[in-house]
Amino acid sequence: MFIRDSHNGTVIRFSEIFEDVRLPYSLSSKLSKEFPGWEFINTWFTIEYTENNQTKTVYKVRLKNNGETKTIKINP
């Protein structure tokens, strides 16, 4: 996704979304301890670039247990 400055056409924000990514071990281990018995069914990784050369990263994980689902957001 691109967001452009309407006056001069420069990109002021850009983001990428990746699906079914492997979580870093530290995050998957932490989630397994916080949600015992829940299985990981989907994972996403989003990275956003701003005009100040800064980045923001977020992992989203969908968990399932006995028909119930939860989506957890993690800022590493």
Protein backbone atom coordinates (compact mmCIF):
# COMPACT_ATOMS: atom_id res chain seq x y z
CA MET A 1 0.00 0.00 0.00
CA PHE A 2 1.37 3.41 -1.01
CA ILE A 3 0.32 6.75 0.42
CA ARG A 4 1.53 9.70 -1.62
CA ASP A 5 1.76 13.42 -0.96
CA SER A 6 -0.85 14.90 -3.29
CA HIS A 7 1.19 18.05 -3.99
CA ASN A 8 4.52 16.69 -5.17
CA GLY A 9 3.88 12.96 -5.60
CA THR A 10 6.43 11.70 -3.08
CA VAL A 11 5.72 8.50 -1.17
CA ILE A 12 5.12 9.34 2.48
CA ARG A 13 4.20 5.87 3.70
CA PHE A 14 4.53 2.34 2.33
CA SER A 15 3.50 -0.95 3.93
CA GLU A 16 3.91 -4.63 3.10
CA ILE A 17 1.94 -7.57 4.49
CA PHE A 18 3.25 -11.14 4.46
CA GLU A 19 1.02 -14.10 5.27
CA ASP A 20 1.95 -17.50 6.76
CA VAL A 21 5.31 -16.31 8.05
CA ARG A 22 7.34 -18.23 10.58
CA LEU A 23 7.39 -16.47 13.92
CA PRO A 24 10.73 -15.86 15.63
CA TYR A 25 11.34 -18.53 18.26
CA SER A 26 11.17 -16.03 21.13
CA LEU A 27 7.66 -14.91 20.10
CA SER A 28 6.28 -18.39 19.40
CA SER A 29 7.69 -19.66 22.69
CA LYS A 30 6.12 -16.77 24.62
CA LEU A 31 2.72 -17.29 22.94
CA SER A 32 2.84 -21.05 23.62
CA LYS A 33 3.40 -20.36 27.32
CA GLU A 34 0.67 -17.68 27.49
CA PHE A 35 -1.88 -19.76 25.56
CA PRO A 36 -1.24 -23.44 26.39
CA GLY A 37 -3.32 -25.83 24.29
CA TRP A 38 -3.97 -23.25 21.54
CA GLU A 39 -2.70 -23.93 18.01
CA PHE A 40 -1.34 -21.35 15.59
CA ILE A 41 -3.55 -21.36 12.49
CA ASN A 42 -2.48 -18.16 10.66
CA THR A 43 0.34 -15.66 10.95
CA TRP A 44 0.93 -12.30 9.30
CA PHE A 45 3.82 -9.87 9.38
CA THR A 46 3.32 -6.20 8.51
CA ILE A 47 6.10 -3.71 8.01
CA GLU A 48 5.40 -0.02 7.48
CA TYR A 49 7.98 2.44 6.14
CA THR A 50 7.55 6.18 6.77
CA GLU A 51 9.05 9.23 5.13
CA ASN A 52 11.45 9.65 8.07
CA ASN A 53 13.11 6.28 7.22
CA GLN A 54 11.48 4.72 10.27
CA THR A 55 9.86 1.30 10.27
CA LYS A 56 7.03 -0.18 12.30
CA THR A 57 6.61 -3.95 12.46
CA VAL A 58 3.66 -5.98 13.74
CA TYR A 59 3.00 -9.72 13.88
CA LYS A 60 -0.60 -10.96 13.94
CA VAL A 61 -1.30 -14.52 15.00
CA ARG A 62 -4.65 -16.31 14.86
CA LEU A 63 -4.98 -19.00 17.52
CA LYS A 64 -7.56 -21.77 17.78
CA ASN A 65 -8.69 -23.97 20.67
CA ASN A 66 -11.83 -26.16 20.73
CA GLY A 67 -13.62 -24.10 18.06
CA GLU A 68 -12.75 -20.75 19.65
CA THR A 69 -10.36 -18.40 17.83
CA LYS A 70 -8.34 -15.37 18.93
CA THR A 71 -6.19 -12.94 17.00
CA ILE A 72 -3.16 -11.55 18.86
CA LYS A 73 -1.09 -8.55 17.72
CA ILE A 74 2.56 -8.39 18.75
CA ASN A 75 4.94 -5.46 18.37
CA PRO A 76 8.38 -7.07 18.61
